N, C-alpha and C. Protein backbone atom coordinates (compact mmCIF):
# COMPACT_ATOMS: atom_id res chain seq x y z
N MET A 1 186.48 -179.51 20.69
CA MET A 1 186.24 -178.28 19.96
C MET A 1 187.39 -178.04 18.99
N LYS A 2 187.04 -177.75 17.77
CA LYS A 2 188.05 -177.54 16.73
C LYS A 2 188.69 -176.16 16.90
N ASN A 3 190.02 -176.13 16.85
CA ASN A 3 190.75 -174.87 16.97
C ASN A 3 190.95 -174.28 15.58
N GLU A 4 190.35 -173.13 15.34
CA GLU A 4 190.49 -172.49 14.04
C GLU A 4 191.51 -171.37 14.13
N ASN A 5 192.41 -171.33 13.15
CA ASN A 5 193.39 -170.25 13.08
C ASN A 5 192.77 -169.12 12.27
N LYS A 6 192.40 -168.07 12.95
CA LYS A 6 191.85 -166.91 12.26
C LYS A 6 192.72 -165.72 12.58
N SER A 7 192.87 -164.87 11.60
CA SER A 7 193.64 -163.65 11.78
C SER A 7 192.72 -162.46 11.60
N GLU A 8 192.94 -161.47 12.43
CA GLU A 8 192.21 -160.24 12.29
C GLU A 8 193.21 -159.12 12.13
N VAL A 9 192.96 -158.26 11.19
CA VAL A 9 193.86 -157.15 10.93
C VAL A 9 193.08 -155.86 11.11
N THR A 10 193.61 -154.97 11.89
CA THR A 10 193.02 -153.65 12.07
C THR A 10 194.03 -152.62 11.62
N PHE A 11 193.57 -151.65 10.85
CA PHE A 11 194.48 -150.61 10.42
C PHE A 11 193.72 -149.31 10.27
N MET A 12 194.45 -148.23 10.30
CA MET A 12 193.87 -146.90 10.15
C MET A 12 194.31 -146.35 8.81
N VAL A 13 193.42 -145.59 8.20
CA VAL A 13 193.74 -144.96 6.93
C VAL A 13 193.39 -143.48 7.00
N VAL A 14 194.01 -142.71 6.15
CA VAL A 14 193.71 -141.30 6.04
C VAL A 14 192.97 -141.10 4.72
N VAL A 15 191.78 -140.56 4.81
CA VAL A 15 190.96 -140.31 3.62
C VAL A 15 190.93 -138.81 3.37
N SER A 16 191.17 -138.42 2.12
CA SER A 16 191.16 -137.01 1.77
C SER A 16 190.51 -136.82 0.41
N GLU A 17 190.25 -135.59 0.07
CA GLU A 17 189.68 -135.28 -1.24
C GLU A 17 190.50 -134.17 -1.87
N ARG A 18 190.83 -134.36 -3.16
CA ARG A 18 191.56 -133.35 -3.92
C ARG A 18 190.95 -133.27 -5.30
N ASN A 19 190.62 -132.08 -5.71
CA ASN A 19 190.08 -131.87 -7.05
C ASN A 19 188.92 -132.80 -7.36
N GLY A 20 188.07 -133.05 -6.38
CA GLY A 20 186.88 -133.89 -6.59
C GLY A 20 187.15 -135.37 -6.57
N GLU A 21 188.40 -135.79 -6.31
CA GLU A 21 188.72 -137.22 -6.24
C GLU A 21 189.04 -137.61 -4.81
N VAL A 22 188.64 -138.82 -4.43
CA VAL A 22 188.90 -139.32 -3.09
C VAL A 22 190.23 -140.06 -3.08
N TYR A 23 191.03 -139.79 -2.04
CA TYR A 23 192.32 -140.43 -1.87
C TYR A 23 192.35 -141.14 -0.52
N VAL A 24 192.99 -142.31 -0.49
CA VAL A 24 193.16 -143.07 0.74
C VAL A 24 194.66 -143.27 0.92
N ASP A 25 195.18 -142.81 2.03
CA ASP A 25 196.62 -142.88 2.29
C ASP A 25 197.44 -142.37 1.10
N GLY A 26 196.97 -141.29 0.49
CA GLY A 26 197.69 -140.66 -0.60
C GLY A 26 197.50 -141.29 -1.96
N MET A 27 196.75 -142.39 -2.05
CA MET A 27 196.49 -143.06 -3.33
C MET A 27 195.05 -142.79 -3.75
N ARG A 28 194.81 -142.73 -5.08
CA ARG A 28 193.42 -142.63 -5.53
C ARG A 28 192.66 -143.81 -4.93
N ALA A 29 191.44 -143.57 -4.49
CA ALA A 29 190.65 -144.58 -3.79
C ALA A 29 190.54 -145.87 -4.59
N ALA A 30 190.31 -145.77 -5.89
CA ALA A 30 190.16 -146.98 -6.72
C ALA A 30 191.45 -147.80 -6.72
N ALA A 31 192.60 -147.12 -6.83
CA ALA A 31 193.88 -147.84 -6.83
C ALA A 31 194.13 -148.47 -5.46
N TRP A 32 193.79 -147.75 -4.40
CA TRP A 32 193.96 -148.28 -3.05
C TRP A 32 193.11 -149.52 -2.84
N LEU A 33 191.84 -149.47 -3.29
CA LEU A 33 190.95 -150.64 -3.16
C LEU A 33 191.47 -151.82 -3.98
N ALA A 34 191.97 -151.54 -5.18
CA ALA A 34 192.51 -152.61 -6.01
C ALA A 34 193.70 -153.28 -5.32
N GLU A 35 194.57 -152.49 -4.73
CA GLU A 35 195.73 -153.04 -4.02
C GLU A 35 195.28 -153.85 -2.80
N LEU A 36 194.28 -153.34 -2.08
CA LEU A 36 193.75 -154.05 -0.92
C LEU A 36 193.16 -155.40 -1.33
N GLU A 37 192.39 -155.40 -2.44
CA GLU A 37 191.81 -156.65 -2.94
C GLU A 37 192.90 -157.63 -3.36
N LYS A 38 193.95 -157.13 -4.00
CA LYS A 38 195.07 -157.98 -4.42
C LYS A 38 195.70 -158.65 -3.21
N GLN A 39 195.94 -157.87 -2.16
CA GLN A 39 196.54 -158.42 -0.95
C GLN A 39 195.61 -159.43 -0.28
N ALA A 40 194.30 -159.14 -0.28
CA ALA A 40 193.33 -160.06 0.32
C ALA A 40 193.30 -161.38 -0.44
N ARG A 41 193.37 -161.32 -1.79
CA ARG A 41 193.39 -162.56 -2.59
C ARG A 41 194.65 -163.37 -2.28
N LYS A 42 195.78 -162.68 -2.11
CA LYS A 42 197.03 -163.36 -1.80
C LYS A 42 196.93 -164.06 -0.45
N ILE A 43 196.41 -163.37 0.55
CA ILE A 43 196.25 -163.95 1.89
C ILE A 43 195.30 -165.14 1.84
N GLU A 44 194.21 -165.00 1.10
CA GLU A 44 193.24 -166.10 0.98
C GLU A 44 193.87 -167.31 0.28
N ALA A 45 194.64 -167.07 -0.78
CA ALA A 45 195.29 -168.17 -1.49
C ALA A 45 196.28 -168.90 -0.57
N GLU A 46 197.05 -168.13 0.20
CA GLU A 46 197.99 -168.74 1.13
C GLU A 46 197.27 -169.56 2.20
N ALA A 47 196.15 -169.05 2.69
CA ALA A 47 195.35 -169.77 3.69
C ALA A 47 194.80 -171.06 3.09
N ASN A 48 194.35 -171.00 1.84
CA ASN A 48 193.82 -172.19 1.18
C ASN A 48 194.88 -173.27 1.04
N VAL A 49 196.11 -172.85 0.71
CA VAL A 49 197.21 -173.82 0.60
C VAL A 49 197.47 -174.46 1.95
N ARG A 50 197.52 -173.64 3.01
CA ARG A 50 197.74 -174.18 4.36
C ARG A 50 196.65 -175.18 4.75
N GLU A 51 195.41 -174.91 4.33
CA GLU A 51 194.28 -175.77 4.69
C GLU A 51 194.10 -176.94 3.72
N GLY A 52 194.96 -177.03 2.73
CA GLY A 52 194.88 -178.13 1.78
C GLY A 52 193.82 -177.96 0.71
N LYS A 53 193.27 -176.76 0.59
CA LYS A 53 192.29 -176.50 -0.46
C LYS A 53 193.03 -176.16 -1.74
N LEU A 54 192.70 -176.85 -2.79
CA LEU A 54 193.38 -176.62 -4.06
C LEU A 54 192.60 -175.61 -4.90
N PRO A 55 193.29 -174.81 -5.69
CA PRO A 55 192.59 -173.89 -6.58
C PRO A 55 191.84 -174.70 -7.64
N PRO A 56 190.86 -174.09 -8.31
CA PRO A 56 190.11 -174.83 -9.32
C PRO A 56 191.02 -175.27 -10.46
N VAL A 57 190.67 -176.39 -11.06
CA VAL A 57 191.40 -176.86 -12.24
C VAL A 57 190.94 -176.00 -13.40
N LEU A 58 191.90 -175.41 -14.09
CA LEU A 58 191.59 -174.54 -15.21
C LEU A 58 192.07 -175.19 -16.50
N ASP A 59 191.26 -175.06 -17.55
CA ASP A 59 191.67 -175.55 -18.86
C ASP A 59 192.47 -174.47 -19.57
N LYS A 60 193.65 -174.84 -20.04
CA LYS A 60 194.46 -173.90 -20.82
C LYS A 60 193.95 -173.90 -22.26
N ALA A 61 193.96 -172.72 -22.87
CA ALA A 61 193.51 -172.59 -24.25
C ALA A 61 194.32 -171.48 -24.92
N LYS A 62 194.40 -171.53 -26.25
CA LYS A 62 195.10 -170.50 -27.01
C LYS A 62 194.05 -169.69 -27.78
N VAL A 63 194.09 -168.37 -27.60
CA VAL A 63 193.14 -167.51 -28.30
C VAL A 63 193.43 -167.56 -29.80
N ARG A 64 192.38 -167.81 -30.58
CA ARG A 64 192.50 -167.74 -32.04
C ARG A 64 192.04 -166.38 -32.54
N ARG A 65 190.88 -165.93 -32.00
CA ARG A 65 190.37 -164.61 -32.40
C ARG A 65 189.29 -164.16 -31.44
N VAL A 66 189.06 -162.87 -31.44
CA VAL A 66 187.96 -162.27 -30.69
C VAL A 66 186.78 -162.15 -31.65
N VAL A 67 185.64 -162.69 -31.27
CA VAL A 67 184.43 -162.58 -32.08
C VAL A 67 183.77 -161.23 -31.81
N ASP A 68 183.59 -160.93 -30.54
CA ASP A 68 183.10 -159.62 -30.10
C ASP A 68 183.53 -159.46 -28.64
N GLY A 69 182.99 -158.48 -27.94
CA GLY A 69 183.45 -158.20 -26.59
C GLY A 69 183.29 -159.33 -25.60
N ASP A 70 182.27 -160.17 -25.79
CA ASP A 70 182.01 -161.23 -24.81
C ASP A 70 182.11 -162.65 -25.37
N THR A 71 182.66 -162.79 -26.57
CA THR A 71 182.82 -164.13 -27.18
C THR A 71 184.18 -164.21 -27.86
N ILE A 72 184.89 -165.31 -27.58
CA ILE A 72 186.18 -165.53 -28.23
C ILE A 72 186.22 -166.93 -28.81
N GLU A 73 187.12 -167.13 -29.73
CA GLU A 73 187.37 -168.45 -30.31
C GLU A 73 188.75 -168.89 -29.83
N VAL A 74 188.81 -170.10 -29.28
CA VAL A 74 190.08 -170.61 -28.76
C VAL A 74 190.37 -171.98 -29.34
N GLU A 75 191.64 -172.37 -29.22
CA GLU A 75 192.04 -173.73 -29.55
C GLU A 75 192.36 -174.42 -28.22
N MET A 76 191.71 -175.56 -28.02
CA MET A 76 191.87 -176.27 -26.76
C MET A 76 191.88 -177.78 -27.05
N ARG A 77 192.94 -178.43 -26.62
CA ARG A 77 193.09 -179.88 -26.83
C ARG A 77 192.84 -180.27 -28.28
N GLY A 78 193.36 -179.47 -29.21
CA GLY A 78 193.26 -179.77 -30.63
C GLY A 78 191.94 -179.40 -31.28
N ASN A 79 191.01 -178.82 -30.53
CA ASN A 79 189.71 -178.43 -31.08
C ASN A 79 189.55 -176.91 -31.05
N VAL A 80 188.80 -176.39 -32.00
CA VAL A 80 188.45 -174.97 -32.01
C VAL A 80 187.11 -174.84 -31.29
N VAL A 81 187.07 -173.96 -30.30
CA VAL A 81 185.90 -173.84 -29.44
C VAL A 81 185.52 -172.37 -29.30
N ASP A 82 184.22 -172.08 -29.39
CA ASP A 82 183.73 -170.73 -29.09
C ASP A 82 183.47 -170.65 -27.60
N VAL A 83 183.95 -169.58 -26.97
CA VAL A 83 183.78 -169.38 -25.53
C VAL A 83 182.98 -168.10 -25.32
N ARG A 84 181.88 -168.23 -24.62
CA ARG A 84 181.04 -167.08 -24.24
C ARG A 84 181.39 -166.75 -22.79
N LEU A 85 181.79 -165.51 -22.55
CA LEU A 85 182.19 -165.10 -21.20
C LEU A 85 181.00 -165.16 -20.26
N LEU A 86 181.20 -165.82 -19.15
CA LEU A 86 180.16 -166.07 -18.17
C LEU A 86 179.81 -164.79 -17.40
N LEU A 87 178.53 -164.54 -17.24
CA LEU A 87 177.96 -163.47 -16.41
C LEU A 87 178.16 -162.06 -16.94
N VAL A 88 178.62 -161.88 -18.15
CA VAL A 88 178.74 -160.53 -18.69
C VAL A 88 178.10 -160.45 -20.06
N ASP A 89 177.68 -159.24 -20.41
CA ASP A 89 177.10 -158.99 -21.73
C ASP A 89 177.64 -157.66 -22.22
N THR A 90 178.23 -157.67 -23.41
CA THR A 90 178.71 -156.43 -24.02
C THR A 90 177.73 -156.03 -25.12
N PRO A 91 177.73 -154.75 -25.48
CA PRO A 91 176.85 -154.31 -26.56
C PRO A 91 177.16 -155.06 -27.86
N GLU A 92 176.12 -155.29 -28.66
CA GLU A 92 176.24 -156.08 -29.88
C GLU A 92 177.05 -155.38 -30.97
N THR A 93 177.81 -156.20 -31.71
CA THR A 93 178.54 -155.70 -32.88
C THR A 93 178.40 -156.64 -34.08
N VAL A 94 178.00 -157.90 -33.84
CA VAL A 94 177.99 -158.87 -34.95
C VAL A 94 176.63 -159.50 -35.22
N ASP A 95 175.58 -159.07 -34.54
CA ASP A 95 174.24 -159.61 -34.79
C ASP A 95 173.69 -158.93 -36.04
N PHE A 96 173.47 -159.72 -37.10
CA PHE A 96 173.04 -159.15 -38.38
C PHE A 96 171.63 -158.57 -38.32
N ASP A 97 170.85 -158.93 -37.31
CA ASP A 97 169.48 -158.42 -37.16
C ASP A 97 169.43 -157.14 -36.34
N LEU A 98 170.57 -156.73 -35.75
CA LEU A 98 170.60 -155.54 -34.90
C LEU A 98 171.68 -154.58 -35.37
N PRO A 99 171.45 -153.28 -35.17
CA PRO A 99 172.53 -152.33 -35.48
C PRO A 99 173.65 -152.47 -34.44
N VAL A 100 174.82 -151.99 -34.79
CA VAL A 100 175.94 -151.98 -33.85
C VAL A 100 175.54 -151.06 -32.70
N GLU A 101 175.69 -151.57 -31.47
CA GLU A 101 175.27 -150.81 -30.30
C GLU A 101 176.41 -149.96 -29.74
N LYS A 102 176.02 -148.88 -29.07
CA LYS A 102 176.99 -147.96 -28.47
C LYS A 102 177.90 -148.73 -27.52
N PHE A 103 179.19 -148.50 -27.61
CA PHE A 103 180.26 -149.12 -26.83
C PHE A 103 180.54 -150.58 -27.24
N GLY A 104 179.82 -151.10 -28.22
CA GLY A 104 180.14 -152.44 -28.74
C GLY A 104 181.53 -152.48 -29.37
N PRO A 105 181.83 -151.54 -30.29
CA PRO A 105 183.16 -151.53 -30.89
C PRO A 105 184.28 -151.33 -29.85
N GLU A 106 184.03 -150.51 -28.83
CA GLU A 106 185.03 -150.29 -27.79
C GLU A 106 185.28 -151.58 -26.99
N ALA A 107 184.21 -152.30 -26.69
CA ALA A 107 184.35 -153.57 -25.96
C ALA A 107 185.14 -154.58 -26.79
N THR A 108 184.85 -154.64 -28.08
CA THR A 108 185.57 -155.57 -28.96
C THR A 108 187.03 -155.17 -29.09
N ARG A 109 187.30 -153.86 -29.21
CA ARG A 109 188.69 -153.39 -29.29
C ARG A 109 189.46 -153.73 -28.02
N PHE A 110 188.81 -153.54 -26.86
CA PHE A 110 189.45 -153.86 -25.59
C PHE A 110 189.78 -155.36 -25.54
N ALA A 111 188.84 -156.19 -25.97
CA ALA A 111 189.08 -157.64 -26.00
C ALA A 111 190.23 -157.97 -26.95
N ASP A 112 190.26 -157.32 -28.11
CA ASP A 112 191.36 -157.54 -29.06
C ASP A 112 192.72 -157.16 -28.47
N GLN A 113 192.75 -156.09 -27.69
CA GLN A 113 194.01 -155.64 -27.08
C GLN A 113 194.51 -156.59 -26.01
N VAL A 114 193.58 -157.13 -25.22
CA VAL A 114 193.96 -157.99 -24.09
C VAL A 114 194.11 -159.45 -24.52
N LEU A 115 193.20 -159.91 -25.37
CA LEU A 115 193.17 -161.32 -25.78
C LEU A 115 193.69 -161.46 -27.20
N THR A 116 194.94 -161.14 -27.39
CA THR A 116 195.54 -161.18 -28.71
C THR A 116 195.65 -162.62 -29.21
N ALA A 117 195.60 -162.78 -30.53
CA ALA A 117 195.72 -164.11 -31.13
C ALA A 117 197.02 -164.76 -30.66
N GLY A 118 196.93 -166.01 -30.24
CA GLY A 118 198.09 -166.75 -29.76
C GLY A 118 198.27 -166.67 -28.25
N LYS A 119 197.57 -165.77 -27.60
CA LYS A 119 197.67 -165.60 -26.14
C LYS A 119 197.13 -166.84 -25.45
N ILE A 120 197.84 -167.31 -24.42
CA ILE A 120 197.37 -168.45 -23.63
C ILE A 120 196.49 -167.91 -22.51
N VAL A 121 195.29 -168.47 -22.42
CA VAL A 121 194.34 -168.10 -21.37
C VAL A 121 193.93 -169.37 -20.63
N GLU A 122 193.26 -169.19 -19.51
CA GLU A 122 192.73 -170.33 -18.77
C GLU A 122 191.24 -170.14 -18.61
N LEU A 123 190.51 -171.24 -18.74
CA LEU A 123 189.05 -171.22 -18.64
C LEU A 123 188.63 -171.86 -17.33
N GLU A 124 187.78 -171.15 -16.60
CA GLU A 124 187.22 -171.67 -15.36
C GLU A 124 185.71 -171.75 -15.53
N TYR A 125 185.13 -172.86 -15.12
CA TYR A 125 183.70 -173.11 -15.32
C TYR A 125 182.94 -172.95 -14.01
N ASP A 126 181.67 -172.57 -14.15
CA ASP A 126 180.83 -172.32 -12.97
C ASP A 126 179.39 -172.37 -13.45
N GLY A 127 178.65 -173.36 -13.05
CA GLY A 127 177.27 -173.48 -13.53
C GLY A 127 177.23 -174.25 -14.83
N PRO A 128 176.25 -173.92 -15.68
CA PRO A 128 176.12 -174.65 -16.95
C PRO A 128 177.40 -174.57 -17.78
N ARG A 129 177.75 -175.65 -18.44
CA ARG A 129 179.00 -175.70 -19.21
C ARG A 129 178.86 -175.09 -20.60
N GLU A 130 177.64 -175.10 -21.16
CA GLU A 130 177.41 -174.55 -22.51
C GLU A 130 176.11 -173.76 -22.53
N ASP A 131 176.03 -172.82 -23.48
CA ASP A 131 174.78 -172.10 -23.68
C ASP A 131 173.97 -172.78 -24.77
N GLN A 132 172.81 -172.19 -25.11
CA GLN A 132 171.91 -172.83 -26.09
C GLN A 132 172.50 -172.88 -27.50
N TYR A 133 173.59 -172.14 -27.75
CA TYR A 133 174.24 -172.15 -29.06
C TYR A 133 175.45 -173.07 -29.10
N GLY A 134 175.70 -173.80 -28.01
CA GLY A 134 176.83 -174.72 -27.97
C GLY A 134 178.15 -174.07 -27.61
N ARG A 135 178.12 -172.80 -27.22
CA ARG A 135 179.36 -172.13 -26.82
C ARG A 135 179.69 -172.51 -25.38
N VAL A 136 180.97 -172.69 -25.10
CA VAL A 136 181.42 -172.98 -23.75
C VAL A 136 181.24 -171.71 -22.91
N LEU A 137 180.70 -171.85 -21.71
CA LEU A 137 180.53 -170.73 -20.79
C LEU A 137 181.66 -170.78 -19.77
N ALA A 138 182.41 -169.69 -19.65
CA ALA A 138 183.57 -169.72 -18.76
C ALA A 138 183.99 -168.33 -18.32
N TYR A 139 184.71 -168.33 -17.19
CA TYR A 139 185.49 -167.16 -16.81
C TYR A 139 186.81 -167.32 -17.56
N VAL A 140 187.28 -166.26 -18.18
CA VAL A 140 188.52 -166.32 -18.95
C VAL A 140 189.61 -165.60 -18.16
N TRP A 141 190.59 -166.39 -17.69
CA TRP A 141 191.73 -165.86 -16.95
C TRP A 141 192.84 -165.51 -17.92
N VAL A 142 193.36 -164.29 -17.80
CA VAL A 142 194.47 -163.85 -18.64
C VAL A 142 195.44 -163.07 -17.75
N ASP A 143 196.68 -163.49 -17.76
CA ASP A 143 197.72 -162.83 -16.96
C ASP A 143 197.30 -162.67 -15.50
N GLY A 144 196.67 -163.70 -14.95
CA GLY A 144 196.30 -163.70 -13.53
C GLY A 144 195.05 -162.92 -13.18
N ARG A 145 194.34 -162.43 -14.18
CA ARG A 145 193.10 -161.67 -13.94
C ARG A 145 191.95 -162.30 -14.71
N ILE A 146 190.73 -162.06 -14.23
CA ILE A 146 189.55 -162.56 -14.93
C ILE A 146 189.11 -161.50 -15.94
N PHE A 147 189.16 -161.84 -17.22
CA PHE A 147 188.82 -160.88 -18.25
C PHE A 147 187.37 -160.41 -18.13
N ASN A 148 186.46 -161.31 -17.75
CA ASN A 148 185.05 -160.94 -17.57
C ASN A 148 184.97 -159.73 -16.63
N GLN A 149 185.70 -159.79 -15.52
CA GLN A 149 185.70 -158.72 -14.54
C GLN A 149 186.33 -157.45 -15.11
N MET A 150 187.37 -157.61 -15.91
CA MET A 150 188.03 -156.45 -16.51
C MET A 150 187.05 -155.66 -17.38
N LEU A 151 186.20 -156.36 -18.14
CA LEU A 151 185.19 -155.68 -18.95
C LEU A 151 184.24 -154.86 -18.08
N LEU A 152 183.82 -155.45 -16.96
CA LEU A 152 182.92 -154.75 -16.04
C LEU A 152 183.61 -153.53 -15.44
N GLU A 153 184.87 -153.68 -15.06
CA GLU A 153 185.63 -152.58 -14.46
C GLU A 153 185.76 -151.40 -15.41
N GLU A 154 185.87 -151.69 -16.70
CA GLU A 154 186.02 -150.63 -17.71
C GLU A 154 184.69 -150.04 -18.15
N GLY A 155 183.58 -150.60 -17.65
CA GLY A 155 182.26 -150.12 -18.05
C GLY A 155 181.90 -150.54 -19.46
N LEU A 156 182.51 -151.63 -19.95
CA LEU A 156 182.27 -152.09 -21.31
C LEU A 156 181.32 -153.28 -21.38
N ALA A 157 180.81 -153.70 -20.22
CA ALA A 157 179.86 -154.81 -20.15
C ALA A 157 178.97 -154.59 -18.94
N ASN A 158 177.87 -155.31 -18.93
CA ASN A 158 177.06 -155.30 -17.71
C ASN A 158 176.88 -156.72 -17.23
N LEU A 159 176.63 -156.85 -15.95
CA LEU A 159 176.41 -158.15 -15.32
C LEU A 159 175.10 -158.70 -15.87
N ALA A 160 175.12 -159.93 -16.39
CA ALA A 160 173.93 -160.46 -17.06
C ALA A 160 173.90 -161.98 -17.03
N TYR A 161 172.77 -162.52 -17.40
CA TYR A 161 172.58 -163.97 -17.56
C TYR A 161 172.89 -164.74 -16.28
N VAL A 162 172.31 -164.30 -15.19
CA VAL A 162 172.49 -164.96 -13.90
C VAL A 162 171.35 -165.96 -13.74
N PHE A 163 171.47 -167.10 -14.43
CA PHE A 163 170.39 -168.08 -14.48
C PHE A 163 170.46 -169.15 -13.40
N ASP A 164 171.63 -169.58 -13.05
CA ASP A 164 171.78 -170.70 -12.11
C ASP A 164 172.67 -170.33 -10.93
N PRO A 165 172.24 -169.36 -10.10
CA PRO A 165 173.10 -168.98 -8.97
C PRO A 165 173.17 -170.11 -7.95
N PRO A 166 174.14 -170.10 -7.04
CA PRO A 166 175.11 -169.00 -6.89
C PRO A 166 176.30 -169.18 -7.82
N TYR A 167 176.86 -168.07 -8.23
CA TYR A 167 178.07 -168.07 -9.04
C TYR A 167 179.22 -167.58 -8.17
N LYS A 168 180.37 -168.20 -8.37
CA LYS A 168 181.54 -167.95 -7.54
C LYS A 168 181.95 -166.48 -7.49
N TYR A 169 181.91 -165.79 -8.62
CA TYR A 169 182.41 -164.42 -8.68
C TYR A 169 181.31 -163.37 -8.79
N TYR A 170 180.07 -163.76 -8.55
CA TYR A 170 178.95 -162.82 -8.70
C TYR A 170 179.16 -161.54 -7.89
N ASP A 171 179.47 -161.67 -6.62
CA ASP A 171 179.63 -160.48 -5.76
C ASP A 171 180.79 -159.61 -6.23
N THR A 172 181.88 -160.24 -6.65
CA THR A 172 183.04 -159.50 -7.15
C THR A 172 182.68 -158.75 -8.42
N PHE A 173 181.93 -159.41 -9.30
CA PHE A 173 181.52 -158.78 -10.55
C PHE A 173 180.54 -157.63 -10.28
N LEU A 174 179.62 -157.84 -9.36
CA LEU A 174 178.65 -156.79 -9.01
C LEU A 174 179.38 -155.56 -8.48
N LEU A 175 180.39 -155.77 -7.65
CA LEU A 175 181.18 -154.66 -7.12
C LEU A 175 181.92 -153.94 -8.26
N ALA A 176 182.49 -154.69 -9.19
CA ALA A 176 183.20 -154.08 -10.32
C ALA A 176 182.24 -153.24 -11.16
N GLN A 177 181.05 -153.75 -11.41
CA GLN A 177 180.06 -153.00 -12.19
C GLN A 177 179.61 -151.75 -11.43
N THR A 178 179.41 -151.88 -10.14
CA THR A 178 178.98 -150.74 -9.32
C THR A 178 180.03 -149.63 -9.34
N ARG A 179 181.29 -150.02 -9.24
CA ARG A 179 182.37 -149.03 -9.29
C ARG A 179 182.40 -148.32 -10.64
N ALA A 180 182.27 -149.08 -11.72
CA ALA A 180 182.27 -148.48 -13.06
C ALA A 180 181.09 -147.53 -13.20
N ARG A 181 179.94 -147.93 -12.69
CA ARG A 181 178.75 -147.08 -12.75
C ARG A 181 178.97 -145.80 -11.93
N ASN A 182 179.51 -145.95 -10.73
CA ASN A 182 179.77 -144.79 -9.87
C ASN A 182 180.80 -143.85 -10.49
N ASP A 183 181.79 -144.43 -11.19
CA ASP A 183 182.83 -143.63 -11.85
C ASP A 183 182.39 -143.16 -13.24
N ARG A 184 181.18 -143.56 -13.65
CA ARG A 184 180.60 -143.20 -14.95
C ARG A 184 181.50 -143.60 -16.12
N LYS A 185 182.01 -144.81 -16.04
CA LYS A 185 182.87 -145.34 -17.10
C LYS A 185 182.02 -145.98 -18.19
N GLY A 186 182.46 -145.87 -19.44
CA GLY A 186 181.87 -146.58 -20.55
C GLY A 186 180.36 -146.46 -20.63
N LEU A 187 179.67 -147.61 -20.55
CA LEU A 187 178.22 -147.66 -20.66
C LEU A 187 177.52 -146.75 -19.66
N TRP A 188 178.17 -146.52 -18.54
CA TRP A 188 177.55 -145.77 -17.44
C TRP A 188 177.88 -144.28 -17.49
N GLY A 189 178.55 -143.85 -18.56
CA GLY A 189 178.94 -142.45 -18.68
C GLY A 189 177.76 -141.54 -18.89
N ARG A 190 178.06 -140.28 -18.82
CA ARG A 190 177.01 -139.26 -19.05
C ARG A 190 176.51 -139.35 -20.48
N ALA A 191 175.22 -139.15 -20.64
CA ALA A 191 174.61 -139.21 -21.99
C ALA A 191 174.98 -137.99 -22.80
């Protein structure tokens, strides 16, 4: 019988409400959950190293420009490549057949702020490598975070184009979108 090293952690928290906001151990609930997720990722990464599991190989790329909220142009291995963010869709801003959609400019501005020209990012692949337009499909890692998820957290994108499941981060992205919707951020705000 194989001996598995498993750890179980039990802890107690104090939940309170102030001015309509939920607090856990004195922190806003969203901040507390984010910190808990960060610690869980760290523990998981350490366990993977102990078990000899290597993290995915990521392609490094340099951002050339943001096309819109969910598409960027990068330089990778001497080539200029368009990258379409996997599993997210932001409102349109550059489709000549459609008007600019609500929150499209905000999504593009957010992308411009985070993915500045010259910024080094890492691309992680999952499922099909390209879309029908020849754009590379990827999760875009920036400063240790997945930008696709950041868009969902801000309510500037919705979870979309789930054609070939399972996807590695689907559940994480769904949770991020649900939180943004519950917090009425961006696209999910009051009309």
